[in-house]
Amino acid sequence: MINEEHLAKLSAPIKRIVDEELAAGNVIKETYIGRSDGRIFVFLKFRFTAKYEYDAEYLIIDDRHYWYAEYSDSLCTVACGFDELKAGS
């Protein structure tokens, strides 16, 4: 489920990444807020289309139980799936 309130609360660096990914054709699959720490998660369908140099840490998770990679700061995480975004998708 995608919750617009979650998206409205994203930190500036994570919002920039999400916005740029959407402009490149990526798709939001789900948003979530962690119950224990209030961290906002945005899950994208495809792998990131670019490398970003914003104030967020990049990690490759590469675990099929979770996701391929993520950008995180102290408040939010945007994670991407395993599939490559195909031109014209």
N, C-alpha and C. Protein backbone atom coordinates (compact mmCIF):
# COMPACT_ATOMS: atom_id res chain seq x y z
N MET A 1 0.83 -1.17 0.00
CA MET A 1 0.00 0.00 0.00
C MET A 1 0.89 1.25 0.00
N ILE A 2 0.49 2.24 -0.74
CA ILE A 2 1.21 3.51 -0.80
C ILE A 2 0.42 4.53 -0.01
N ASN A 3 1.06 5.12 0.99
CA ASN A 3 0.41 6.11 1.84
C ASN A 3 1.02 7.48 1.53
N GLU A 4 0.22 8.39 1.03
CA GLU A 4 0.69 9.73 0.67
C GLU A 4 1.24 10.49 1.88
N GLU A 5 0.71 10.22 3.07
CA GLU A 5 1.23 10.86 4.28
C GLU A 5 2.67 10.46 4.55
N HIS A 6 3.00 9.21 4.27
CA HIS A 6 4.38 8.77 4.43
C HIS A 6 5.28 9.54 3.48
N LEU A 7 4.86 9.67 2.23
CA LEU A 7 5.67 10.38 1.23
C LEU A 7 5.84 11.85 1.60
N ALA A 8 4.82 12.44 2.19
CA ALA A 8 4.90 13.85 2.58
C ALA A 8 5.89 14.08 3.72
N LYS A 9 6.20 13.05 4.48
CA LYS A 9 7.10 13.17 5.63
C LYS A 9 8.55 12.78 5.32
N LEU A 10 8.86 12.49 4.06
CA LEU A 10 10.23 12.08 3.73
C LEU A 10 11.22 13.21 3.98
N SER A 11 12.42 12.84 4.40
CA SER A 11 13.50 13.81 4.54
C SER A 11 13.87 14.33 3.15
N ALA A 12 14.48 15.49 3.11
CA ALA A 12 14.82 16.12 1.82
C ALA A 12 15.70 15.23 0.93
N PRO A 13 16.79 14.62 1.45
CA PRO A 13 17.62 13.79 0.56
C PRO A 13 16.87 12.58 0.00
N ILE A 14 16.07 11.92 0.82
CA ILE A 14 15.35 10.74 0.35
C ILE A 14 14.24 11.15 -0.61
N LYS A 15 13.59 12.27 -0.34
CA LYS A 15 12.55 12.76 -1.26
C LYS A 15 13.16 13.06 -2.63
N ARG A 16 14.33 13.65 -2.67
CA ARG A 16 14.99 13.95 -3.96
C ARG A 16 15.26 12.66 -4.73
N ILE A 17 15.74 11.64 -4.03
CA ILE A 17 16.01 10.36 -4.69
C ILE A 17 14.72 9.76 -5.22
N VAL A 18 13.69 9.72 -4.39
CA VAL A 18 12.41 9.16 -4.82
C VAL A 18 11.88 9.93 -6.03
N ASP A 19 11.90 11.25 -5.96
CA ASP A 19 11.40 12.07 -7.07
C ASP A 19 12.17 11.80 -8.36
N GLU A 20 13.49 11.70 -8.27
CA GLU A 20 14.30 11.45 -9.46
C GLU A 20 14.06 10.05 -10.02
N GLU A 21 13.87 9.08 -9.14
CA GLU A 21 13.56 7.72 -9.59
C GLU A 21 12.21 7.66 -10.29
N LEU A 22 11.22 8.34 -9.75
CA LEU A 22 9.91 8.36 -10.39
C LEU A 22 9.99 9.04 -11.76
N ALA A 23 10.74 10.13 -11.85
CA ALA A 23 10.91 10.83 -13.12
C ALA A 23 11.60 9.94 -14.15
N ALA A 24 12.46 9.02 -13.69
CA ALA A 24 13.18 8.11 -14.59
C ALA A 24 12.35 6.88 -14.96
N GLY A 25 11.16 6.75 -14.38
CA GLY A 25 10.28 5.63 -14.72
C GLY A 25 10.14 4.56 -13.66
N ASN A 26 10.85 4.70 -12.54
CA ASN A 26 10.69 3.72 -11.46
C ASN A 26 9.30 3.88 -10.84
N VAL A 27 8.89 2.90 -10.06
CA VAL A 27 7.53 2.85 -9.52
C VAL A 27 7.60 2.55 -8.02
N ILE A 28 6.81 3.25 -7.23
CA ILE A 28 6.69 2.95 -5.81
C ILE A 28 5.78 1.75 -5.64
N LYS A 29 6.27 0.72 -4.96
CA LYS A 29 5.46 -0.46 -4.67
C LYS A 29 4.73 -0.33 -3.35
N GLU A 30 5.40 0.30 -2.36
CA GLU A 30 4.83 0.32 -1.02
C GLU A 30 5.53 1.39 -0.20
N THR A 31 4.82 1.93 0.79
CA THR A 31 5.43 2.76 1.82
C THR A 31 5.09 2.13 3.18
N TYR A 32 5.92 2.44 4.16
CA TYR A 32 5.75 1.80 5.46
C TYR A 32 6.41 2.68 6.51
N ILE A 33 5.84 2.74 7.70
CA ILE A 33 6.49 3.39 8.84
C ILE A 33 6.75 2.34 9.90
N GLY A 34 8.01 2.24 10.33
CA GLY A 34 8.39 1.28 11.35
C GLY A 34 7.72 1.59 12.68
N ARG A 35 7.21 0.58 13.30
CA ARG A 35 6.49 0.77 14.57
C ARG A 35 7.42 1.14 15.72
N SER A 36 8.62 0.57 15.73
CA SER A 36 9.50 0.81 16.88
C SER A 36 10.23 2.14 16.81
N ASP A 37 10.61 2.57 15.60
CA ASP A 37 11.43 3.78 15.51
C ASP A 37 10.83 4.88 14.63
N GLY A 38 9.71 4.64 13.99
CA GLY A 38 9.08 5.64 13.16
C GLY A 38 9.77 5.90 11.83
N ARG A 39 10.73 5.05 11.48
CA ARG A 39 11.45 5.21 10.20
C ARG A 39 10.48 5.01 9.05
N ILE A 40 10.57 5.89 8.06
CA ILE A 40 9.74 5.80 6.88
C ILE A 40 10.50 5.04 5.80
N PHE A 41 9.86 4.02 5.25
CA PHE A 41 10.43 3.22 4.16
C PHE A 41 9.62 3.46 2.89
N VAL A 42 10.32 3.58 1.78
CA VAL A 42 9.71 3.62 0.45
C VAL A 42 10.36 2.49 -0.34
N PHE A 43 9.54 1.61 -0.88
CA PHE A 43 10.04 0.48 -1.65
C PHE A 43 9.75 0.70 -3.13
N LEU A 44 10.80 0.71 -3.94
CA LEU A 44 10.68 0.88 -5.38
C LEU A 44 10.69 -0.47 -6.08
N LYS A 45 10.02 -0.57 -7.20
CA LYS A 45 9.92 -1.82 -7.94
C LYS A 45 11.25 -2.22 -8.59
N PHE A 46 11.93 -1.24 -9.18
CA PHE A 46 13.14 -1.53 -9.95
C PHE A 46 14.40 -1.04 -9.24
N ARG A 47 15.54 -1.50 -9.72
CA ARG A 47 16.82 -1.01 -9.19
C ARG A 47 16.93 0.49 -9.43
N PHE A 48 17.77 1.13 -8.63
CA PHE A 48 18.00 2.56 -8.81
C PHE A 48 18.54 2.80 -10.21
N THR A 49 18.11 3.87 -10.82
CA THR A 49 18.50 4.19 -12.19
C THR A 49 19.78 5.02 -12.23
N ALA A 50 20.23 5.53 -11.08
CA ALA A 50 21.43 6.37 -11.02
C ALA A 50 22.08 6.23 -9.65
N LYS A 51 23.29 6.75 -9.54
CA LYS A 51 23.97 6.88 -8.24
C LYS A 51 23.70 8.29 -7.74
N TYR A 52 23.42 8.42 -6.46
CA TYR A 52 23.08 9.71 -5.88
C TYR A 52 24.11 10.12 -4.84
N GLU A 53 24.44 11.40 -4.83
CA GLU A 53 25.44 11.94 -3.92
C GLU A 53 24.80 12.87 -2.89
N TYR A 54 23.59 12.57 -2.47
CA TYR A 54 22.92 13.38 -1.47
C TYR A 54 23.34 12.90 -0.08
N ASP A 55 22.84 13.56 0.95
CA ASP A 55 23.20 13.19 2.32
C ASP A 55 22.45 11.94 2.75
N ALA A 56 22.81 10.82 2.13
CA ALA A 56 22.21 9.53 2.45
C ALA A 56 23.25 8.45 2.20
N GLU A 57 23.23 7.45 3.03
CA GLU A 57 24.19 6.34 2.91
C GLU A 57 23.64 5.29 1.94
N TYR A 58 24.49 4.86 1.01
CA TYR A 58 24.10 3.83 0.04
C TYR A 58 24.65 2.49 0.49
N LEU A 59 23.80 1.49 0.50
CA LEU A 59 24.21 0.12 0.84
C LEU A 59 23.61 -0.86 -0.16
N ILE A 60 24.41 -1.82 -0.57
CA ILE A 60 23.88 -2.93 -1.36
C ILE A 60 23.53 -4.03 -0.37
N ILE A 61 22.28 -4.40 -0.28
CA ILE A 61 21.80 -5.43 0.63
C ILE A 61 21.85 -6.79 -0.05
N ASP A 62 21.37 -6.86 -1.28
CA ASP A 62 21.40 -8.06 -2.13
C ASP A 62 20.91 -9.32 -1.41
N ASP A 63 19.77 -9.19 -0.77
CA ASP A 63 19.16 -10.31 -0.06
C ASP A 63 17.71 -10.43 -0.56
N ARG A 64 17.40 -11.51 -1.22
CA ARG A 64 16.07 -11.70 -1.82
C ARG A 64 14.94 -11.65 -0.79
N HIS A 65 15.25 -11.84 0.48
CA HIS A 65 14.22 -11.71 1.52
C HIS A 65 13.88 -10.25 1.80
N TYR A 66 14.76 -9.36 1.38
CA TYR A 66 14.57 -7.94 1.66
C TYR A 66 14.54 -7.14 0.35
N TRP A 67 15.68 -6.59 -0.07
CA TRP A 67 15.75 -5.77 -1.27
C TRP A 67 17.18 -5.75 -1.79
N TYR A 68 17.34 -5.15 -2.97
CA TYR A 68 18.67 -5.13 -3.58
C TYR A 68 19.59 -4.09 -2.95
N ALA A 69 19.15 -2.84 -2.88
CA ALA A 69 19.99 -1.76 -2.35
C ALA A 69 19.10 -0.71 -1.70
N GLU A 70 19.76 0.19 -0.95
CA GLU A 70 19.01 1.23 -0.26
C GLU A 70 19.84 2.49 -0.10
N TYR A 71 19.14 3.60 0.03
CA TYR A 71 19.70 4.86 0.50
C TYR A 71 18.99 5.17 1.80
N SER A 72 19.75 5.52 2.84
CA SER A 72 19.16 5.80 4.14
C SER A 72 19.80 7.03 4.76
N ASP A 73 19.01 7.75 5.54
CA ASP A 73 19.54 8.76 6.43
C ASP A 73 18.99 8.46 7.82
N SER A 74 19.04 9.39 8.73
CA SER A 74 18.62 9.10 10.10
C SER A 74 17.11 8.92 10.24
N LEU A 75 16.33 9.35 9.24
CA LEU A 75 14.87 9.31 9.34
C LEU A 75 14.18 8.35 8.38
N CYS A 76 14.79 8.14 7.19
CA CYS A 76 14.07 7.47 6.11
C CYS A 76 14.99 6.53 5.33
N THR A 77 14.35 5.58 4.64
CA THR A 77 15.05 4.66 3.74
C THR A 77 14.24 4.51 2.47
N VAL A 78 14.94 4.57 1.33
CA VAL A 78 14.32 4.20 0.06
C VAL A 78 15.09 2.97 -0.42
N ALA A 79 14.36 1.90 -0.70
CA ALA A 79 14.95 0.63 -1.09
C ALA A 79 14.46 0.26 -2.48
N CYS A 80 15.31 -0.45 -3.22
CA CYS A 80 14.93 -0.83 -4.58
C CYS A 80 14.89 -2.34 -4.72
N GLY A 81 14.07 -2.78 -5.67
CA GLY A 81 13.95 -4.19 -5.98
C GLY A 81 15.14 -4.70 -6.79
N PHE A 82 15.02 -5.90 -7.28
CA PHE A 82 16.11 -6.57 -7.98
C PHE A 82 16.07 -6.39 -9.49
N ASP A 83 14.90 -6.08 -10.05
CA ASP A 83 14.77 -6.00 -11.49
C ASP A 83 15.33 -4.71 -12.05
N GLU A 84 15.96 -4.81 -13.23
CA GLU A 84 16.44 -3.64 -13.94
C GLU A 84 15.26 -2.94 -14.60
N LEU A 85 15.28 -1.64 -14.61
CA LEU A 85 14.27 -0.86 -15.32
C LEU A 85 14.62 -0.90 -16.80
N LYS A 86 13.72 -1.41 -17.60
CA LYS A 86 13.95 -1.50 -19.04
C LYS A 86 13.49 -0.22 -19.70
N ALA A 87 14.21 0.20 -20.72
CA ALA A 87 13.84 1.39 -21.49
C ALA A 87 12.42 1.21 -22.01
N GLY A 88 11.60 2.22 -21.83
CA GLY A 88 10.23 2.16 -22.31
C GLY A 88 9.28 1.42 -21.39
N SER A 89 9.75 0.99 -20.19
CA SER A 89 8.89 0.26 -19.26
C SER A 89 7.86 1.16 -18.64
